[in-house]
Amino acid sequence: MQSGDNEKTDTEVREILDYYKGLPERGSQEVIVSMLRELQDVCGWIGPSVLEEAAQTAGVKESLIEIIMKRYPSLKKSPYVHEITVCTGQNCASRDNLKLLQELRQRLKIGGDGISQDGRIYMKTRACLKQCRTAPNIMVDGKIYSGKSVKEIVSMVTGHGTHI
């Protein structure tokens, strides 16, 4: 189980895995998603050890679980605190949102999986946030902001301005 989990959490995780292991359709995407959601409700996120056990329970490869998790952004591989969505639609891209995206990746130390080095921030892109008239747009923790600088966004999610 994930480090730091208490016995109650371990027991709950084991009960969930045991339940799903007995299902005839345990390898279907729908069942896997249900299992992952229950595991996340208990653990707060799907860490590497739980992901591995979920794959074994479903009788599938870990890579399939990872693909499913990418299709369901609500399933988290890290206990991140903030979620940033950068609009890459035509209007936002033409107003330097792609440059903002690159700067944020550097300043927040975002890895290839979209998660910051410290695991506190998850950043992704979306083709359009449907707010074209106020471009460029970025969503931080579900709230859309227009025309924010890198410094302002970094400050929102770290409380430290441009330093982490």
Protein backbone atom coordinates (compact mmCIF):
# COMPACT_ATOMS: atom_id res chain seq x y z
CA MET A 1 0.00 0.00 0.00
CA GLN A 2 1.00 3.62 -0.19
CA SER A 3 3.42 4.79 2.45
CA GLY A 4 1.89 6.63 5.36
CA ASP A 5 -1.47 4.89 5.08
CA ASN A 6 -2.91 3.65 8.33
CA GLU A 7 -4.28 0.19 9.02
CA LYS A 8 -7.88 1.29 8.41
CA THR A 9 -6.98 2.54 4.92
CA ASP A 10 -5.06 -0.66 4.17
CA THR A 11 -8.05 -2.73 5.26
CA GLU A 12 -10.45 -0.68 3.12
CA VAL A 13 -8.16 -0.97 0.09
CA ARG A 14 -7.89 -4.73 0.59
CA GLU A 15 -11.72 -5.02 0.83
CA ILE A 16 -12.17 -3.07 -2.41
CA LEU A 17 -9.60 -5.17 -4.25
CA ASP A 18 -11.09 -8.42 -2.93
CA TYR A 19 -14.57 -7.36 -4.04
CA TYR A 20 -13.49 -6.47 -7.57
CA LYS A 21 -11.31 -9.56 -7.91
CA GLY A 22 -14.47 -11.68 -7.63
CA LEU A 23 -16.39 -9.91 -10.38
CA PRO A 24 -16.78 -11.74 -13.70
CA GLU A 25 -16.27 -8.54 -15.72
CA ARG A 26 -13.35 -7.32 -13.60
CA GLY A 27 -11.25 -6.46 -16.67
CA SER A 28 -13.84 -4.21 -18.35
CA GLN A 29 -13.12 -0.49 -18.50
CA GLU A 30 -16.32 0.35 -16.65
CA VAL A 31 -15.48 -1.97 -13.74
CA ILE A 32 -11.85 -0.80 -13.64
CA VAL A 33 -12.94 2.85 -13.47
CA SER A 34 -15.36 2.05 -10.63
CA MET A 35 -12.61 0.22 -8.75
CA LEU A 36 -10.13 3.08 -9.26
CA ARG A 37 -12.66 5.67 -8.07
CA GLU A 38 -13.32 3.67 -4.90
CA LEU A 39 -9.60 3.25 -4.28
CA GLN A 40 -9.04 6.98 -4.79
CA ASP A 41 -11.88 7.80 -2.38
CA VAL A 42 -10.07 5.80 0.29
CA CYS A 43 -6.46 6.79 -0.50
CA GLY A 44 -6.95 10.27 -1.95
CA TRP A 45 -5.02 9.27 -5.09
CA ILE A 46 -3.80 6.22 -7.01
CA GLY A 47 -0.14 5.77 -6.15
CA PRO A 48 2.21 3.29 -7.85
CA SER A 49 1.62 0.41 -5.42
CA VAL A 50 -2.18 0.74 -5.56
CA LEU A 51 -2.03 1.05 -9.36
CA GLU A 52 -0.03 -2.19 -9.52
CA GLU A 53 -2.48 -4.01 -7.24
CA ALA A 54 -5.46 -2.66 -9.20
CA ALA A 55 -3.95 -4.03 -12.42
CA GLN A 56 -3.42 -7.45 -10.81
CA THR A 57 -6.97 -7.43 -9.45
CA ALA A 58 -8.42 -6.57 -12.87
CA GLY A 59 -6.16 -9.09 -14.60
CA VAL A 60 -4.72 -6.45 -16.94
CA LYS A 61 -1.36 -4.78 -17.51
CA GLU A 62 -0.47 -1.65 -15.54
CA SER A 63 -0.15 0.22 -18.84
CA LEU A 64 -3.88 -0.31 -19.47
CA ILE A 65 -4.72 1.14 -16.04
CA GLU A 66 -2.51 4.15 -16.84
CA ILE A 67 -4.27 4.65 -20.20
CA ILE A 68 -7.66 4.50 -18.49
CA MET A 69 -6.49 7.01 -15.88
CA LYS A 70 -5.45 9.42 -18.64
CA ARG A 71 -8.97 9.23 -20.08
CA TYR A 72 -10.47 10.11 -16.69
CA PRO A 73 -8.75 13.25 -15.38
CA SER A 74 -10.57 12.94 -12.05
CA LEU A 75 -8.37 9.91 -11.32
CA LYS A 76 -5.14 11.23 -9.82
CA LYS A 77 -1.72 9.55 -9.79
CA SER A 78 -0.42 12.10 -7.32
CA PRO A 79 -1.83 13.90 -4.30
CA TYR A 80 -1.66 17.25 -6.07
CA VAL A 81 -3.24 20.26 -4.43
CA HIS A 82 -3.73 22.54 -7.45
CA GLU A 83 -4.83 21.85 -10.99
CA ILE A 84 -3.95 24.22 -13.83
CA THR A 85 -5.54 23.94 -17.27
CA VAL A 86 -3.97 26.06 -20.01
CA CYS A 87 -6.15 26.83 -23.01
CA THR A 88 -4.44 26.04 -26.30
CA GLY A 89 -7.33 27.07 -28.53
CA GLN A 90 -6.73 29.34 -31.52
CA ASN A 91 -7.51 32.64 -29.78
CA CYS A 92 -5.50 31.86 -26.66
CA ALA A 93 -2.58 30.41 -28.62
CA SER A 94 -2.42 33.51 -30.80
CA ARG A 95 -2.19 35.59 -27.61
CA ASP A 96 0.91 33.83 -26.24
CA ASN A 97 -0.75 31.14 -24.11
CA LEU A 98 1.69 28.58 -25.55
CA LYS A 99 4.61 30.68 -24.33
CA LEU A 100 2.88 30.98 -20.95
CA LEU A 101 2.48 27.19 -20.91
CA GLN A 102 6.22 26.66 -21.46
CA GLU A 103 7.18 29.22 -18.81
CA LEU A 104 4.81 27.65 -16.28
CA ARG A 105 6.24 24.19 -16.98
CA GLN A 106 9.73 25.53 -16.26
CA ARG A 107 8.91 27.65 -13.21
CA LEU A 108 6.67 25.05 -11.57
CA LYS A 109 8.99 22.16 -12.56
CA ILE A 110 6.23 20.24 -14.31
CA GLY A 111 7.26 16.79 -15.52
CA GLY A 112 6.16 14.88 -18.61
CA ASP A 113 3.20 13.46 -16.68
CA GLY A 114 1.91 16.98 -15.95
CA ILE A 115 2.76 16.80 -12.27
CA SER A 116 5.18 19.17 -10.56
CA GLN A 117 8.39 17.86 -9.03
CA ASP A 118 6.95 18.28 -5.53
CA GLY A 119 3.69 16.54 -6.54
CA ARG A 120 1.53 19.49 -5.48
CA ILE A 121 0.51 20.82 -8.92
CA TYR A 122 -1.05 19.08 -11.91
CA MET A 123 -1.00 20.97 -15.20
CA LYS A 124 -2.74 20.02 -18.42
CA THR A 125 -3.95 21.65 -21.61
CA ARG A 126 -7.36 21.85 -23.20
CA ALA A 127 -8.09 22.77 -26.81
CA CYS A 128 -10.60 25.43 -25.74
CA LEU A 129 -12.02 26.71 -22.46
CA LYS A 130 -14.98 28.28 -24.34
CA GLN A 131 -14.09 31.82 -23.22
CA CYS A 132 -12.58 33.02 -26.51
CA ARG A 133 -13.67 36.65 -26.19
CA THR A 134 -11.53 37.06 -23.06
CA ALA A 135 -8.45 35.22 -24.39
CA PRO A 136 -5.85 34.31 -23.26
CA ASN A 137 -7.40 32.05 -20.62
CA ILE A 138 -6.16 29.67 -17.99
CA MET A 139 -8.10 27.70 -15.40
CA VAL A 140 -6.72 27.34 -11.88
CA ASP A 141 -8.56 24.98 -9.55
CA GLY A 142 -11.72 25.18 -11.67
CA LYS A 143 -11.84 28.98 -11.97
CA ILE A 144 -11.07 30.65 -15.31
CA TYR A 145 -8.71 33.63 -15.38
CA SER A 146 -7.96 35.87 -18.34
CA GLY A 147 -4.70 37.64 -19.11
CA LYS A 148 -2.80 36.51 -16.01
CA SER A 149 0.98 36.62 -16.04
CA VAL A 150 3.19 33.66 -15.21
CA LYS A 151 4.16 35.40 -11.96
CA GLU A 152 0.50 35.82 -10.94
CA ILE A 153 -0.33 32.18 -11.70
CA VAL A 154 2.74 30.86 -9.90
CA SER A 155 1.81 33.02 -6.91
CA MET A 156 -1.75 31.62 -6.92
CA VAL A 157 -0.60 28.01 -6.67
CA THR A 158 2.52 28.39 -4.53
CA GLY A 159 2.02 31.56 -2.56
CA HIS A 160 5.64 32.42 -3.39
CA GLY A 161 5.53 34.62 -6.48
CA THR A 162 8.09 33.32 -8.95
CA HIS A 163 10.05 31.22 -6.44
CA ILE A 164 9.02 27.76 -5.35
